[in-house]
Amino acid sequence: GMWINAFIVSVICVTWVRKKTLNSNE
């Protein structure tokens, strides 16, 4: 479970860095 949730957090953080913003779902 920790690996799965760490994957979600890491992908969203990478998206955040690239787009400089996050939508509500993210």
mmCIF file of all heavy atoms, coordinates in Angstrom:
data_MODEL
# 
_entry.id   MODEL 
# 
loop_
_atom_site.group_PDB 
_atom_site.id 
_atom_site.type_symbol 
_atom_site.label_atom_id 
_atom_site.label_alt_id 
_atom_site.label_comp_id 
_atom_site.label_asym_id 
_atom_site.label_entity_id 
_atom_site.label_seq_id 
_atom_site.pdbx_PDB_ins_code 
_atom_site.Cartn_x 
_atom_site.Cartn_y 
_atom_site.Cartn_z 
_atom_site.occupancy 
_atom_site.B_iso_or_equiv 
_atom_site.pdbx_formal_charge 
_atom_site.auth_seq_id 
_atom_site.auth_comp_id 
_atom_site.auth_asym_id 
_atom_site.auth_atom_id 
_atom_site.pdbx_PDB_model_num 
ATOM 1   N N   . GLY A 1 1  ? 0.808   -1.210 0.000   1.00 0.00 ? 1  GLY A N   1 
ATOM 2   C CA  . GLY A 1 1  ? 0.000   0.000  0.000   1.00 0.00 ? 1  GLY A CA  1 
ATOM 3   C C   . GLY A 1 1  ? 0.844   1.264  0.000   1.00 0.00 ? 1  GLY A C   1 
ATOM 4   O O   . GLY A 1 1  ? 0.511   2.248  -0.676  1.00 0.00 ? 1  GLY A O   1 
ATOM 5   N N   . MET A 1 2  ? 1.955   1.255  0.735   1.00 0.00 ? 2  MET A N   1 
ATOM 6   C CA  . MET A 1 2  ? 2.845   2.417  0.763   1.00 0.00 ? 2  MET A CA  1 
ATOM 7   C C   . MET A 1 2  ? 3.455   2.671  -0.607  1.00 0.00 ? 2  MET A C   1 
ATOM 8   O O   . MET A 1 2  ? 3.556   3.814  -1.054  1.00 0.00 ? 2  MET A O   1 
ATOM 9   C CB  . MET A 1 2  ? 3.942   2.212  1.813   1.00 0.00 ? 2  MET A CB  1 
ATOM 10  C CG  . MET A 1 2  ? 3.454   2.293  3.246   1.00 0.00 ? 2  MET A CG  1 
ATOM 11  S SD  . MET A 1 2  ? 4.748   1.899  4.447   1.00 0.00 ? 2  MET A SD  1 
ATOM 12  C CE  . MET A 1 2  ? 5.895   3.252  4.163   1.00 0.00 ? 2  MET A CE  1 
ATOM 13  N N   . TRP A 1 3  ? 3.861   1.604  -1.307  1.00 0.00 ? 3  TRP A N   1 
ATOM 14  C CA  . TRP A 1 3  ? 4.441   1.762  -2.632  1.00 0.00 ? 3  TRP A CA  1 
ATOM 15  C C   . TRP A 1 3  ? 3.424   2.352  -3.607  1.00 0.00 ? 3  TRP A C   1 
ATOM 16  O O   . TRP A 1 3  ? 3.738   3.260  -4.388  1.00 0.00 ? 3  TRP A O   1 
ATOM 17  C CB  . TRP A 1 3  ? 4.930   0.410  -3.154  1.00 0.00 ? 3  TRP A CB  1 
ATOM 18  C CG  . TRP A 1 3  ? 5.656   0.527  -4.467  1.00 0.00 ? 3  TRP A CG  1 
ATOM 19  C CD1 . TRP A 1 3  ? 6.988   0.715  -4.664  1.00 0.00 ? 3  TRP A CD1 1 
ATOM 20  C CD2 . TRP A 1 3  ? 5.050   0.449  -5.774  1.00 0.00 ? 3  TRP A CD2 1 
ATOM 21  N NE1 . TRP A 1 3  ? 7.255   0.770  -6.009  1.00 0.00 ? 3  TRP A NE1 1 
ATOM 22  C CE2 . TRP A 1 3  ? 6.096   0.607  -6.727  1.00 0.00 ? 3  TRP A CE2 1 
ATOM 23  C CE3 . TRP A 1 3  ? 3.740   0.265  -6.233  1.00 0.00 ? 3  TRP A CE3 1 
ATOM 24  C CZ2 . TRP A 1 3  ? 5.858   0.590  -8.096  1.00 0.00 ? 3  TRP A CZ2 1 
ATOM 25  C CZ3 . TRP A 1 3  ? 3.508   0.249  -7.597  1.00 0.00 ? 3  TRP A CZ3 1 
ATOM 26  C CH2 . TRP A 1 3  ? 4.562   0.409  -8.515  1.00 0.00 ? 3  TRP A CH2 1 
ATOM 27  N N   . ILE A 1 4  ? 2.192   1.847  -3.573  1.00 0.00 ? 4  ILE A N   1 
ATOM 28  C CA  . ILE A 1 4  ? 1.151   2.324  -4.482  1.00 0.00 ? 4  ILE A CA  1 
ATOM 29  C C   . ILE A 1 4  ? 0.855   3.804  -4.246  1.00 0.00 ? 4  ILE A C   1 
ATOM 30  O O   . ILE A 1 4  ? 0.770   4.604  -5.199  1.00 0.00 ? 4  ILE A O   1 
ATOM 31  C CB  . ILE A 1 4  ? -0.121  1.477  -4.318  1.00 0.00 ? 4  ILE A CB  1 
ATOM 32  C CG1 . ILE A 1 4  ? 0.130   0.046  -4.797  1.00 0.00 ? 4  ILE A CG1 1 
ATOM 33  C CG2 . ILE A 1 4  ? -1.288  2.092  -5.081  1.00 0.00 ? 4  ILE A CG2 1 
ATOM 34  C CD1 . ILE A 1 4  ? -0.976  -0.924 -4.458  1.00 0.00 ? 4  ILE A CD1 1 
ATOM 35  N N   . ASN A 1 5  ? 0.699   4.194  -2.984  1.00 0.00 ? 5  ASN A N   1 
ATOM 36  C CA  . ASN A 1 5  ? 0.389   5.586  -2.685  1.00 0.00 ? 5  ASN A CA  1 
ATOM 37  C C   . ASN A 1 5  ? 1.584   6.503  -2.911  1.00 0.00 ? 5  ASN A C   1 
ATOM 38  O O   . ASN A 1 5  ? 1.415   7.667  -3.299  1.00 0.00 ? 5  ASN A O   1 
ATOM 39  C CB  . ASN A 1 5  ? -0.105  5.700  -1.235  1.00 0.00 ? 5  ASN A CB  1 
ATOM 40  C CG  . ASN A 1 5  ? -1.513  5.171  -1.064  1.00 0.00 ? 5  ASN A CG  1 
ATOM 41  O OD1 . ASN A 1 5  ? -2.482  5.819  -1.428  1.00 0.00 ? 5  ASN A OD1 1 
ATOM 42  N ND2 . ASN A 1 5  ? -1.634  3.959  -0.520  1.00 0.00 ? 5  ASN A ND2 1 
ATOM 43  N N   . ALA A 1 6  ? 2.792   6.011  -2.683  1.00 0.00 ? 6  ALA A N   1 
ATOM 44  C CA  . ALA A 1 6  ? 3.990   6.797  -2.997  1.00 0.00 ? 6  ALA A CA  1 
ATOM 45  C C   . ALA A 1 6  ? 4.077   7.053  -4.499  1.00 0.00 ? 6  ALA A C   1 
ATOM 46  O O   . ALA A 1 6  ? 4.514   8.139  -4.929  1.00 0.00 ? 6  ALA A O   1 
ATOM 47  C CB  . ALA A 1 6  ? 5.244   6.078  -2.495  1.00 0.00 ? 6  ALA A CB  1 
ATOM 48  N N   . PHE A 1 7  ? 3.669   6.070  -5.295  1.00 0.00 ? 7  PHE A N   1 
ATOM 49  C CA  . PHE A 1 7  ? 3.652   6.250  -6.747  1.00 0.00 ? 7  PHE A CA  1 
ATOM 50  C C   . PHE A 1 7  ? 2.688   7.370  -7.139  1.00 0.00 ? 7  PHE A C   1 
ATOM 51  O O   . PHE A 1 7  ? 3.021   8.236  -7.968  1.00 0.00 ? 7  PHE A O   1 
ATOM 52  C CB  . PHE A 1 7  ? 3.249   4.943  -7.421  1.00 0.00 ? 7  PHE A CB  1 
ATOM 53  C CG  . PHE A 1 7  ? 2.952   5.070  -8.887  1.00 0.00 ? 7  PHE A CG  1 
ATOM 54  C CD1 . PHE A 1 7  ? 3.980   5.135  -9.808  1.00 0.00 ? 7  PHE A CD1 1 
ATOM 55  C CD2 . PHE A 1 7  ? 1.638   5.127  -9.332  1.00 0.00 ? 7  PHE A CD2 1 
ATOM 56  C CE1 . PHE A 1 7  ? 3.704   5.271  -11.154 1.00 0.00 ? 7  PHE A CE1 1 
ATOM 57  C CE2 . PHE A 1 7  ? 1.359   5.253  -10.680 1.00 0.00 ? 7  PHE A CE2 1 
ATOM 58  C CZ  . PHE A 1 7  ? 2.395   5.329  -11.594 1.00 0.00 ? 7  PHE A CZ  1 
ATOM 59  N N   . ILE A 1 8  ? 1.483   7.367  -6.554  1.00 0.00 ? 8  ILE A N   1 
ATOM 60  C CA  . ILE A 1 8  ? 0.500   8.415  -6.857  1.00 0.00 ? 8  ILE A CA  1 
ATOM 61  C C   . ILE A 1 8  ? 1.051   9.789  -6.502  1.00 0.00 ? 8  ILE A C   1 
ATOM 62  O O   . ILE A 1 8  ? 0.977   10.744 -7.300  1.00 0.00 ? 8  ILE A O   1 
ATOM 63  C CB  . ILE A 1 8  ? -0.817  8.147  -6.104  1.00 0.00 ? 8  ILE A CB  1 
ATOM 64  C CG1 . ILE A 1 8  ? -1.491  6.886  -6.646  1.00 0.00 ? 8  ILE A CG1 1 
ATOM 65  C CG2 . ILE A 1 8  ? -1.761  9.343  -6.223  1.00 0.00 ? 8  ILE A CG2 1 
ATOM 66  C CD1 . ILE A 1 8  ? -2.751  6.505  -5.890  1.00 0.00 ? 8  ILE A CD1 1 
ATOM 67  N N   . VAL A 1 9  ? 1.616   9.913  -5.312  1.00 0.00 ? 9  VAL A N   1 
ATOM 68  C CA  . VAL A 1 9  ? 2.147   11.200 -4.860  1.00 0.00 ? 9  VAL A CA  1 
ATOM 69  C C   . VAL A 1 9  ? 3.289   11.672 -5.750  1.00 0.00 ? 9  VAL A C   1 
ATOM 70  O O   . VAL A 1 9  ? 3.362   12.850 -6.141  1.00 0.00 ? 9  VAL A O   1 
ATOM 71  C CB  . VAL A 1 9  ? 2.604   11.098 -3.390  1.00 0.00 ? 9  VAL A CB  1 
ATOM 72  C CG1 . VAL A 1 9  ? 3.323   12.380 -2.956  1.00 0.00 ? 9  VAL A CG1 1 
ATOM 73  C CG2 . VAL A 1 9  ? 1.409   10.840 -2.476  1.00 0.00 ? 9  VAL A CG2 1 
ATOM 74  N N   . SER A 1 10 ? 4.191   10.771 -6.107  1.00 0.00 ? 10 SER A N   1 
ATOM 75  C CA  . SER A 1 10 ? 5.350   11.152 -6.920  1.00 0.00 ? 10 SER A CA  1 
ATOM 76  C C   . SER A 1 10 ? 4.926   11.605 -8.316  1.00 0.00 ? 10 SER A C   1 
ATOM 77  O O   . SER A 1 10 ? 5.450   12.601 -8.837  1.00 0.00 ? 10 SER A O   1 
ATOM 78  C CB  . SER A 1 10 ? 6.334   9.985  -7.012  1.00 0.00 ? 10 SER A CB  1 
ATOM 79  O OG  . SER A 1 10 ? 5.737   8.857  -7.626  1.00 0.00 ? 10 SER A OG  1 
ATOM 80  N N   . VAL A 1 11 ? 3.975   10.890 -8.942  1.00 0.00 ? 11 VAL A N   1 
ATOM 81  C CA  . VAL A 1 11 ? 3.509   11.270 -10.275 1.00 0.00 ? 11 VAL A CA  1 
ATOM 82  C C   . VAL A 1 11 ? 2.836   12.633 -10.248 1.00 0.00 ? 11 VAL A C   1 
ATOM 83  O O   . VAL A 1 11 ? 3.071   13.484 -11.123 1.00 0.00 ? 11 VAL A O   1 
ATOM 84  C CB  . VAL A 1 11 ? 2.551   10.198 -10.839 1.00 0.00 ? 11 VAL A CB  1 
ATOM 85  C CG1 . VAL A 1 11 ? 1.881   10.697 -12.125 1.00 0.00 ? 11 VAL A CG1 1 
ATOM 86  C CG2 . VAL A 1 11 ? 3.297   8.911  -11.118 1.00 0.00 ? 11 VAL A CG2 1 
ATOM 87  N N   . ILE A 1 12 ? 2.007   12.871 -9.240  1.00 0.00 ? 12 ILE A N   1 
ATOM 88  C CA  . ILE A 1 12 ? 1.314   14.153 -9.147  1.00 0.00 ? 12 ILE A CA  1 
ATOM 89  C C   . ILE A 1 12 ? 2.308   15.281 -8.860  1.00 0.00 ? 12 ILE A C   1 
ATOM 90  O O   . ILE A 1 12 ? 2.173   16.397 -9.397  1.00 0.00 ? 12 ILE A O   1 
ATOM 91  C CB  . ILE A 1 12 ? 0.222   14.092 -8.065  1.00 0.00 ? 12 ILE A CB  1 
ATOM 92  C CG1 . ILE A 1 12 ? -0.875  13.118 -8.499  1.00 0.00 ? 12 ILE A CG1 1 
ATOM 93  C CG2 . ILE A 1 12 ? -0.376  15.478 -7.827  1.00 0.00 ? 12 ILE A CG2 1 
ATOM 94  C CD1 . ILE A 1 12 ? -1.981  12.944 -7.490  1.00 0.00 ? 12 ILE A CD1 1 
ATOM 95  N N   . CYS A 1 13 ? 3.317   15.022 -8.040  1.00 0.00 ? 13 CYS A N   1 
ATOM 96  C CA  . CYS A 1 13 ? 4.332   16.044 -7.767  1.00 0.00 ? 13 CYS A CA  1 
ATOM 97  C C   . CYS A 1 13 ? 5.125   16.387 -9.026  1.00 0.00 ? 13 CYS A C   1 
ATOM 98  O O   . CYS A 1 13 ? 5.440   17.556 -9.272  1.00 0.00 ? 13 CYS A O   1 
ATOM 99  C CB  . CYS A 1 13 ? 5.270   15.570 -6.656  1.00 0.00 ? 13 CYS A CB  1 
ATOM 100 S SG  . CYS A 1 13 ? 4.542   15.577 -5.010  1.00 0.00 ? 13 CYS A SG  1 
ATOM 101 N N   . VAL A 1 14 ? 5.447   15.371 -9.835  1.00 0.00 ? 14 VAL A N   1 
ATOM 102 C CA  . VAL A 1 14 ? 6.132   15.626 -11.107 1.00 0.00 ? 14 VAL A CA  1 
ATOM 103 C C   . VAL A 1 14 ? 5.251   16.462 -12.030 1.00 0.00 ? 14 VAL A C   1 
ATOM 104 O O   . VAL A 1 14 ? 5.714   17.408 -12.692 1.00 0.00 ? 14 VAL A O   1 
ATOM 105 C CB  . VAL A 1 14 ? 6.527   14.287 -11.779 1.00 0.00 ? 14 VAL A CB  1 
ATOM 106 C CG1 . VAL A 1 14 ? 7.023   14.534 -13.205 1.00 0.00 ? 14 VAL A CG1 1 
ATOM 107 C CG2 . VAL A 1 14 ? 7.603   13.585 -10.970 1.00 0.00 ? 14 VAL A CG2 1 
ATOM 108 N N   . THR A 1 15 ? 3.960   16.129 -12.069 1.00 0.00 ? 15 THR A N   1 
ATOM 109 C CA  . THR A 1 15 ? 3.012   16.909 -12.871 1.00 0.00 ? 15 THR A CA  1 
ATOM 110 C C   . THR A 1 15 ? 2.930   18.338 -12.369 1.00 0.00 ? 15 THR A C   1 
ATOM 111 O O   . THR A 1 15 ? 2.848   19.291 -13.170 1.00 0.00 ? 15 THR A O   1 
ATOM 112 C CB  . THR A 1 15 ? 1.620   16.252 -12.825 1.00 0.00 ? 15 THR A CB  1 
ATOM 113 O OG1 . THR A 1 15 ? 1.707   14.897 -13.271 1.00 0.00 ? 15 THR A OG1 1 
ATOM 114 C CG2 . THR A 1 15 ? 0.636   17.006 -13.698 1.00 0.00 ? 15 THR A CG2 1 
ATOM 115 N N   . TRP A 1 16 ? 2.948   18.497 -11.066 1.00 0.00 ? 16 TRP A N   1 
ATOM 116 C CA  . TRP A 1 16 ? 2.895   19.827 -10.450 1.00 0.00 ? 16 TRP A CA  1 
ATOM 117 C C   . TRP A 1 16 ? 4.110   20.659 -10.859 1.00 0.00 ? 16 TRP A C   1 
ATOM 118 O O   . TRP A 1 16 ? 3.998   21.846 -11.180 1.00 0.00 ? 16 TRP A O   1 
ATOM 119 C CB  . TRP A 1 16 ? 2.830   19.670 -8.938  1.00 0.00 ? 16 TRP A CB  1 
ATOM 120 C CG  . TRP A 1 16 ? 2.504   20.933 -8.202  1.00 0.00 ? 16 TRP A CG  1 
ATOM 121 C CD1 . TRP A 1 16 ? 2.211   22.161 -8.731  1.00 0.00 ? 16 TRP A CD1 1 
ATOM 122 C CD2 . TRP A 1 16 ? 2.407   21.082 -6.787  1.00 0.00 ? 16 TRP A CD2 1 
ATOM 123 N NE1 . TRP A 1 16 ? 1.944   23.066 -7.751  1.00 0.00 ? 16 TRP A NE1 1 
ATOM 124 C CE2 . TRP A 1 16 ? 2.063   22.427 -6.538  1.00 0.00 ? 16 TRP A CE2 1 
ATOM 125 C CE3 . TRP A 1 16 ? 2.590   20.202 -5.716  1.00 0.00 ? 16 TRP A CE3 1 
ATOM 126 C CZ2 . TRP A 1 16 ? 1.910   22.910 -5.242  1.00 0.00 ? 16 TRP A CZ2 1 
ATOM 127 C CZ3 . TRP A 1 16 ? 2.415   20.698 -4.435  1.00 0.00 ? 16 TRP A CZ3 1 
ATOM 128 C CH2 . TRP A 1 16 ? 2.087   22.030 -4.194  1.00 0.00 ? 16 TRP A CH2 1 
ATOM 129 N N   . VAL A 1 17 ? 5.271   20.042 -10.836 1.00 0.00 ? 17 VAL A N   1 
ATOM 130 C CA  . VAL A 1 17 ? 6.498   20.762 -11.216 1.00 0.00 ? 17 VAL A CA  1 
ATOM 131 C C   . VAL A 1 17 ? 6.455   21.166 -12.690 1.00 0.00 ? 17 VAL A C   1 
ATOM 132 O O   . VAL A 1 17 ? 6.873   22.277 -13.061 1.00 0.00 ? 17 VAL A O   1 
ATOM 133 C CB  . VAL A 1 17 ? 7.735   19.888 -10.925 1.00 0.00 ? 17 VAL A CB  1 
ATOM 134 C CG1 . VAL A 1 17 ? 8.997   20.531 -11.506 1.00 0.00 ? 17 VAL A CG1 1 
ATOM 135 C CG2 . VAL A 1 17 ? 7.893   19.669 -9.428  1.00 0.00 ? 17 VAL A CG2 1 
ATOM 136 N N   . ARG A 1 18 ? 5.950   20.292 -13.542 1.00 0.00 ? 18 ARG A N   1 
ATOM 137 C CA  . ARG A 1 18 ? 5.917   20.575 -14.979 1.00 0.00 ? 18 ARG A CA  1 
ATOM 138 C C   . ARG A 1 18 ? 4.874   21.626 -15.337 1.00 0.00 ? 18 ARG A C   1 
ATOM 139 O O   . ARG A 1 18 ? 5.143   22.561 -16.100 1.00 0.00 ? 18 ARG A O   1 
ATOM 140 C CB  . ARG A 1 18 ? 5.644   19.283 -15.745 1.00 0.00 ? 18 ARG A CB  1 
ATOM 141 C CG  . ARG A 1 18 ? 6.805   18.302 -15.745 1.00 0.00 ? 18 ARG A CG  1 
ATOM 142 C CD  . ARG A 1 18 ? 6.453   17.044 -16.524 1.00 0.00 ? 18 ARG A CD  1 
ATOM 143 N NE  . ARG A 1 18 ? 7.578   16.108 -16.567 1.00 0.00 ? 18 ARG A NE  1 
ATOM 144 C CZ  . ARG A 1 18 ? 7.526   14.912 -17.135 1.00 0.00 ? 18 ARG A CZ  1 
ATOM 145 N NH1 . ARG A 1 18 ? 6.394   14.494 -17.713 1.00 0.00 ? 18 ARG A NH1 1 
ATOM 146 N NH2 . ARG A 1 18 ? 8.587   14.119 -17.130 1.00 0.00 ? 18 ARG A NH2 1 
ATOM 147 N N   . LYS A 1 19 ? 3.666   21.473 -14.798 1.00 0.00 ? 19 LYS A N   1 
ATOM 148 C CA  . LYS A 1 19 ? 2.576   22.380 -15.166 1.00 0.00 ? 19 LYS A CA  1 
ATOM 149 C C   . LYS A 1 19 ? 2.498   23.618 -14.281 1.00 0.00 ? 19 LYS A C   1 
ATOM 150 O O   . LYS A 1 19 ? 1.756   24.554 -14.593 1.00 0.00 ? 19 LYS A O   1 
ATOM 151 C CB  . LYS A 1 19 ? 1.243   21.635 -15.091 1.00 0.00 ? 19 LYS A CB  1 
ATOM 152 C CG  . LYS A 1 19 ? 1.129   20.462 -16.057 1.00 0.00 ? 19 LYS A CG  1 
ATOM 153 C CD  . LYS A 1 19 ? -0.297  19.981 -16.192 1.00 0.00 ? 19 LYS A CD  1 
ATOM 154 C CE  . LYS A 1 19 ? -0.989  19.750 -14.873 1.00 0.00 ? 19 LYS A CE  1 
ATOM 155 N NZ  . LYS A 1 19 ? -2.373  19.253 -15.024 1.00 0.00 ? 19 LYS A NZ  1 
ATOM 156 N N   . LYS A 1 20 ? 3.208   23.611 -13.158 1.00 0.00 ? 20 LYS A N   1 
ATOM 157 C CA  . LYS A 1 20 ? 3.181   24.715 -12.191 1.00 0.00 ? 20 LYS A CA  1 
ATOM 158 C C   . LYS A 1 20 ? 1.831   24.871 -11.505 1.00 0.00 ? 20 LYS A C   1 
ATOM 159 O O   . LYS A 1 20 ? 1.613   25.823 -10.767 1.00 0.00 ? 20 LYS A O   1 
ATOM 160 C CB  . LYS A 1 20 ? 3.566   26.057 -12.851 1.00 0.00 ? 20 LYS A CB  1 
ATOM 161 C CG  . LYS A 1 20 ? 4.876   26.035 -13.631 1.00 0.00 ? 20 LYS A CG  1 
ATOM 162 C CD  . LYS A 1 20 ? 6.058   25.710 -12.746 1.00 0.00 ? 20 LYS A CD  1 
ATOM 163 C CE  . LYS A 1 20 ? 7.360   25.737 -13.541 1.00 0.00 ? 20 LYS A CE  1 
ATOM 164 N NZ  . LYS A 1 20 ? 8.528   25.376 -12.707 1.00 0.00 ? 20 LYS A NZ  1 
ATOM 165 N N   . THR A 1 21 ? 0.923   23.952 -11.763 1.00 0.00 ? 21 THR A N   1 
ATOM 166 C CA  . THR A 1 21 ? -0.395  24.012 -11.131 1.00 0.00 ? 21 THR A CA  1 
ATOM 167 C C   . THR A 1 21 ? -1.012  22.619 -11.118 1.00 0.00 ? 21 THR A C   1 
ATOM 168 O O   . THR A 1 21 ? -0.565  21.720 -11.830 1.00 0.00 ? 21 THR A O   1 
ATOM 169 C CB  . THR A 1 21 ? -1.325  24.982 -11.896 1.00 0.00 ? 21 THR A CB  1 
ATOM 170 O OG1 . THR A 1 21 ? -2.573  25.086 -11.203 1.00 0.00 ? 21 THR A OG1 1 
ATOM 171 C CG2 . THR A 1 21 ? -1.570  24.482 -13.304 1.00 0.00 ? 21 THR A CG2 1 
ATOM 172 N N   . LEU A 1 22 ? -2.050  22.454 -10.291 1.00 0.00 ? 22 LEU A N   1 
ATOM 173 C CA  . LEU A 1 22 ? -2.775  21.189 -10.197 1.00 0.00 ? 22 LEU A CA  1 
ATOM 174 C C   . LEU A 1 22 ? -4.263  21.456 -10.302 1.00 0.00 ? 22 LEU A C   1 
ATOM 175 O O   . LEU A 1 22 ? -4.765  22.461 -9.775  1.00 0.00 ? 22 LEU A O   1 
ATOM 176 C CB  . LEU A 1 22 ? -2.474  20.477 -8.872  1.00 0.00 ? 22 LEU A CB  1 
ATOM 177 C CG  . LEU A 1 22 ? -1.065  19.937 -8.641  1.00 0.00 ? 22 LEU A CG  1 
ATOM 178 C CD1 . LEU A 1 22 ? -0.954  19.369 -7.238  1.00 0.00 ? 22 LEU A CD1 1 
ATOM 179 C CD2 . LEU A 1 22 ? -0.709  18.871 -9.662  1.00 0.00 ? 22 LEU A CD2 1 
ATOM 180 N N   . ASN A 1 23 ? -4.992  20.551 -10.962 1.00 0.00 ? 23 ASN A N   1 
ATOM 181 C CA  . ASN A 1 23 ? -6.447  20.678 -10.958 1.00 0.00 ? 23 ASN A CA  1 
ATOM 182 C C   . ASN A 1 23 ? -7.004  20.112 -9.658  1.00 0.00 ? 23 ASN A C   1 
ATOM 183 O O   . ASN A 1 23 ? -6.267  19.548 -8.832  1.00 0.00 ? 23 ASN A O   1 
ATOM 184 C CB  . ASN A 1 23 ? -7.060  19.988 -12.184 1.00 0.00 ? 23 ASN A CB  1 
ATOM 185 C CG  . ASN A 1 23 ? -6.709  18.513 -12.273 1.00 0.00 ? 23 ASN A CG  1 
ATOM 186 O OD1 . ASN A 1 23 ? -6.685  17.803 -11.262 1.00 0.00 ? 23 ASN A OD1 1 
ATOM 187 N ND2 . ASN A 1 23 ? -6.434  18.033 -13.479 1.00 0.00 ? 23 ASN A ND2 1 
ATOM 188 N N   . SER A 1 24 ? -8.296  20.254 -9.466  1.00 0.00 ? 24 SER A N   1 
ATOM 189 C CA  . SER A 1 24 ? -8.918  19.869 -8.190  1.00 0.00 ? 24 SER A CA  1 
ATOM 190 C C   . SER A 1 24 ? -8.789  18.383 -7.920  1.00 0.00 ? 24 SER A C   1 
ATOM 191 O O   . SER A 1 24 ? -8.532  17.959 -6.783  1.00 0.00 ? 24 SER A O   1 
ATOM 192 C CB  . SER A 1 24 ? -10.394 20.276 -8.192  1.00 0.00 ? 24 SER A CB  1 
ATOM 193 O OG  . SER A 1 24 ? -10.530 21.670 -8.314  1.00 0.00 ? 24 SER A OG  1 
ATOM 194 N N   . ASN A 1 25 ? -8.960  17.562 -8.958  1.00 0.00 ? 25 ASN A N   1 
ATOM 195 C CA  . ASN A 1 25 ? -8.845  16.121 -8.798  1.00 0.00 ? 25 ASN A CA  1 
ATOM 196 C C   . ASN A 1 25 ? -7.442  15.731 -8.347  1.00 0.00 ? 25 ASN A C   1 
ATOM 197 O O   . ASN A 1 25 ? -7.261  14.888 -7.450  1.00 0.00 ? 25 ASN A O   1 
ATOM 198 C CB  . ASN A 1 25 ? -9.188  15.421 -10.115 1.00 0.00 ? 25 ASN A CB  1 
ATOM 199 C CG  . ASN A 1 25 ? -9.175  13.918 -10.002 1.00 0.00 ? 25 ASN A CG  1 
ATOM 200 O OD1 . ASN A 1 25 ? -9.703  13.343 -9.061  1.00 0.00 ? 25 ASN A OD1 1 
ATOM 201 N ND2 . ASN A 1 25 ? -8.547  13.267 -10.963 1.00 0.00 ? 25 ASN A ND2 1 
ATOM 202 N N   . GLU A 1 26 ? -6.429  16.341 -8.931  1.00 0.00 ? 26 GLU A N   1 
ATOM 203 C CA  . GLU A 1 26 ? -5.046  16.043 -8.570  1.00 0.00 ? 26 GLU A CA  1 
ATOM 204 C C   . GLU A 1 26 ? -4.727  16.496 -7.153  1.00 0.00 ? 26 GLU A C   1 
ATOM 205 O O   . GLU A 1 26 ? -3.957  15.845 -6.442  1.00 0.00 ? 26 GLU A O   1 
ATOM 206 C CB  . GLU A 1 26 ? -4.098  16.704 -9.572  1.00 0.00 ? 26 GLU A CB  1 
ATOM 207 C CG  . GLU A 1 26 ? -4.141  16.072 -10.955 1.00 0.00 ? 26 GLU A CG  1 
ATOM 208 C CD  . GLU A 1 26 ? -3.400  16.876 -11.997 1.00 0.00 ? 26 GLU A CD  1 
ATOM 209 O OE1 . GLU A 1 26 ? -3.243  18.103 -11.794 1.00 0.00 ? 26 GLU A OE1 1 
ATOM 210 O OE2 . GLU A 1 26 ? -2.985  16.304 -13.013 1.00 0.00 ? 26 GLU A OE2 1 
# 
